[in-house]
Each structure stands twice: as C-alpha cells, then as structure tokens.
C-alpha cells in the first residue's frame, strides 16, 4: 500500500470517529484533539500530491527541451 492510500484511509477513519461521536456529550473536547490530526493528514497528503505533480511537470519540461 502506498503512502497516499494510507493517508486517505486515515482520513476516512477520522471521519468515522467524528460520525461515531456525533452525539457524544464531550464531542467538542474530542474534536479539539481530532482536528489537528485531520489537518496534519491533509497537509501530508497535499505535500505528497504536490511532490508527485512537480515531478511530472519536471519530466515533461525535460522532454520538451530535447
């Protein structure tokens, strides 16, 4: 399994936790801890996606120069 897939699955799992705790009396307390995890996972996914996109752009520009 690739890193991108792991990050996406982790985000789905986080969404499941949020859904399961929707009626929890202490959901705001829980969300205060889950929220940074969500944004960190999204940040890592975006960084990974940007890296992939930039490498494709570099490959294409290198081919154009030939």
N, C-alpha and C. Protein backbone atom coordinates (compact mmCIF):
# COMPACT_ATOMS: atom_id res chain seq x y z
N UNK A 1 0.85 -1.18 0.00
CA UNK A 1 0.00 0.00 0.00
C UNK A 1 0.90 1.24 0.00
N UNK A 2 0.55 2.17 -0.83
CA UNK A 2 1.33 3.39 -0.95
C UNK A 2 0.96 4.39 0.14
N UNK A 3 1.85 5.35 0.34
CA UNK A 3 1.64 6.37 1.38
C UNK A 3 0.38 7.18 1.13
N UNK A 4 0.12 7.51 -0.11
CA UNK A 4 -1.09 8.28 -0.45
C UNK A 4 -2.34 7.52 -0.01
N UNK A 5 -2.37 6.23 -0.28
CA UNK A 5 -3.52 5.40 0.11
C UNK A 5 -3.66 5.34 1.62
N UNK A 6 -2.55 5.23 2.33
CA UNK A 6 -2.59 5.20 3.80
C UNK A 6 -3.17 6.49 4.36
N UNK A 7 -2.76 7.62 3.81
CA UNK A 7 -3.25 8.91 4.29
C UNK A 7 -4.74 9.06 4.03
N UNK A 8 -5.19 8.64 2.86
CA UNK A 8 -6.61 8.72 2.53
C UNK A 8 -7.43 7.83 3.46
N UNK A 9 -6.95 6.63 3.71
CA UNK A 9 -7.66 5.71 4.62
C UNK A 9 -7.69 6.30 6.03
N UNK A 10 -6.59 6.91 6.46
CA UNK A 10 -6.56 7.53 7.79
C UNK A 10 -7.59 8.66 7.88
N UNK A 11 -7.75 9.43 6.82
CA UNK A 11 -8.76 10.50 6.82
C UNK A 11 -10.17 9.91 6.89
N UNK A 12 -10.41 8.81 6.19
CA UNK A 12 -11.71 8.14 6.28
C UNK A 12 -11.97 7.63 7.70
N UNK A 13 -10.95 7.07 8.31
CA UNK A 13 -11.09 6.59 9.68
C UNK A 13 -11.42 7.73 10.63
N UNK A 14 -10.78 8.86 10.41
CA UNK A 14 -11.05 10.03 11.23
C UNK A 14 -12.50 10.50 11.05
N UNK A 15 -12.98 10.49 9.82
CA UNK A 15 -14.38 10.84 9.56
C UNK A 15 -15.32 9.87 10.28
N UNK A 16 -14.96 8.59 10.31
CA UNK A 16 -15.77 7.61 11.02
C UNK A 16 -15.82 7.91 12.51
N UNK A 17 -14.70 8.29 13.09
CA UNK A 17 -14.67 8.63 14.51
C UNK A 17 -15.58 9.83 14.78
N UNK A 18 -15.50 10.83 13.92
CA UNK A 18 -16.35 12.01 14.08
C UNK A 18 -17.83 11.61 14.01
N UNK A 19 -18.18 10.76 13.06
CA UNK A 19 -19.57 10.30 12.93
C UNK A 19 -20.01 9.52 14.17
N UNK A 20 -19.14 8.67 14.67
CA UNK A 20 -19.49 7.84 15.83
C UNK A 20 -19.64 8.66 17.11
N UNK A 21 -18.97 9.80 17.18
CA UNK A 21 -19.02 10.62 18.40
C UNK A 21 -19.93 11.84 18.24
N UNK A 22 -20.73 11.83 17.19
CA UNK A 22 -21.59 12.98 16.89
C UNK A 22 -22.51 13.35 18.06
N UNK A 23 -23.03 12.37 18.76
CA UNK A 23 -23.94 12.64 19.87
C UNK A 23 -23.26 12.52 21.23
N UNK A 24 -21.96 12.46 21.23
CA UNK A 24 -21.22 12.36 22.48
C UNK A 24 -21.27 13.68 23.24
N UNK A 25 -21.48 13.57 24.52
CA UNK A 25 -21.57 14.77 25.36
C UNK A 25 -20.28 15.59 25.32
N UNK A 26 -19.17 14.92 25.12
CA UNK A 26 -17.87 15.59 25.14
C UNK A 26 -17.26 15.73 23.74
N UNK A 27 -18.12 15.79 22.73
CA UNK A 27 -17.61 15.81 21.36
C UNK A 27 -16.71 17.01 21.08
N UNK A 28 -17.02 18.17 21.65
CA UNK A 28 -16.16 19.35 21.42
C UNK A 28 -14.76 19.11 21.96
N UNK A 29 -14.67 18.47 23.11
CA UNK A 29 -13.37 18.13 23.69
C UNK A 29 -12.63 17.17 22.75
N UNK A 30 -13.33 16.15 22.26
CA UNK A 30 -12.71 15.19 21.35
C UNK A 30 -12.28 15.86 20.05
N UNK A 31 -13.15 16.72 19.51
CA UNK A 31 -12.85 17.37 18.24
C UNK A 31 -11.63 18.29 18.34
N UNK A 32 -11.41 18.85 19.52
CA UNK A 32 -10.22 19.69 19.71
C UNK A 32 -8.94 18.91 19.50
N UNK A 33 -8.98 17.62 19.75
CA UNK A 33 -7.81 16.77 19.55
C UNK A 33 -7.80 16.14 18.16
N UNK A 34 -8.96 15.88 17.61
CA UNK A 34 -9.03 15.26 16.29
C UNK A 34 -8.74 16.26 15.17
N UNK A 35 -9.12 17.48 15.37
CA UNK A 35 -8.97 18.50 14.33
C UNK A 35 -7.51 18.66 13.88
N UNK A 36 -6.55 18.81 14.79
CA UNK A 36 -5.16 18.93 14.33
C UNK A 36 -4.67 17.69 13.58
N UNK A 37 -5.16 16.52 13.98
CA UNK A 37 -4.78 15.29 13.28
C UNK A 37 -5.30 15.33 11.86
N UNK A 38 -6.54 15.77 11.69
CA UNK A 38 -7.13 15.86 10.36
C UNK A 38 -6.32 16.80 9.46
N UNK A 39 -5.99 17.98 10.00
CA UNK A 39 -5.27 18.96 9.18
C UNK A 39 -3.84 18.49 8.88
N UNK A 40 -3.24 17.76 9.79
CA UNK A 40 -1.90 17.23 9.53
C UNK A 40 -1.94 16.16 8.44
N UNK A 41 -2.94 15.29 8.50
CA UNK A 41 -3.08 14.28 7.45
C UNK A 41 -3.33 14.94 6.09
N UNK A 42 -4.18 15.96 6.07
CA UNK A 42 -4.45 16.67 4.81
C UNK A 42 -3.19 17.37 4.30
N UNK A 43 -2.43 17.95 5.23
CA UNK A 43 -1.19 18.63 4.84
C UNK A 43 -0.22 17.64 4.20
N UNK A 44 -0.06 16.48 4.85
CA UNK A 44 0.84 15.47 4.31
C UNK A 44 0.37 14.96 2.95
N UNK A 45 -0.93 14.79 2.80
CA UNK A 45 -1.48 14.35 1.52
C UNK A 45 -1.24 15.40 0.44
N UNK A 46 -1.46 16.65 0.77
CA UNK A 46 -1.21 17.73 -0.18
C UNK A 46 0.26 17.82 -0.56
N UNK A 47 1.14 17.68 0.42
CA UNK A 47 2.58 17.70 0.13
C UNK A 47 2.98 16.54 -0.77
N UNK A 48 2.41 15.39 -0.50
CA UNK A 48 2.70 14.22 -1.31
C UNK A 48 2.19 14.41 -2.74
N UNK A 49 0.99 14.95 -2.87
CA UNK A 49 0.40 15.19 -4.19
C UNK A 49 1.20 16.25 -4.94
N UNK A 50 1.63 17.32 -4.24
CA UNK A 50 2.44 18.36 -4.88
C UNK A 50 3.75 17.79 -5.38
N UNK A 51 4.36 16.93 -4.61
CA UNK A 51 5.62 16.30 -5.00
C UNK A 51 5.43 15.48 -6.26
N UNK A 52 4.35 14.73 -6.32
CA UNK A 52 4.07 13.92 -7.49
C UNK A 52 3.82 14.81 -8.70
N UNK A 53 3.02 15.86 -8.54
CA UNK A 53 2.72 16.77 -9.64
C UNK A 53 3.97 17.48 -10.14
N UNK A 54 4.83 17.95 -9.22
CA UNK A 54 6.04 18.65 -9.61
C UNK A 54 6.99 17.74 -10.37
N UNK A 55 7.08 16.49 -9.97
CA UNK A 55 7.98 15.58 -10.68
C UNK A 55 7.47 15.34 -12.10
N UNK A 56 6.15 15.27 -12.28
CA UNK A 56 5.59 15.09 -13.62
C UNK A 56 5.88 16.32 -14.48
N UNK A 57 5.74 17.50 -13.89
CA UNK A 57 6.00 18.74 -14.63
C UNK A 57 7.46 18.79 -15.04
N UNK A 58 8.35 18.42 -14.12
CA UNK A 58 9.78 18.43 -14.43
C UNK A 58 10.09 17.45 -15.56
N UNK A 59 9.51 16.26 -15.51
CA UNK A 59 9.75 15.27 -16.55
C UNK A 59 9.27 15.80 -17.90
N UNK A 60 8.10 16.44 -17.92
CA UNK A 60 7.57 16.95 -19.17
C UNK A 60 8.43 18.07 -19.71
N UNK A 61 8.89 18.97 -18.84
CA UNK A 61 9.71 20.07 -19.31
C UNK A 61 11.08 19.58 -19.80
N UNK A 62 11.60 18.52 -19.17
CA UNK A 62 12.85 17.95 -19.63
C UNK A 62 12.68 17.33 -21.01
N UNK A 63 11.54 16.70 -21.26
CA UNK A 63 11.27 16.10 -22.56
C UNK A 63 11.11 17.19 -23.62
N UNK A 64 10.51 18.33 -23.25
CA UNK A 64 10.33 19.42 -24.19
C UNK A 64 11.66 20.01 -24.64
N UNK A 65 12.65 19.96 -23.77
CA UNK A 65 13.95 20.54 -24.09
C UNK A 65 14.76 19.67 -25.04
N UNK A 66 14.34 18.42 -25.21
CA UNK A 66 15.09 17.50 -26.08
C UNK A 66 14.85 17.74 -27.54
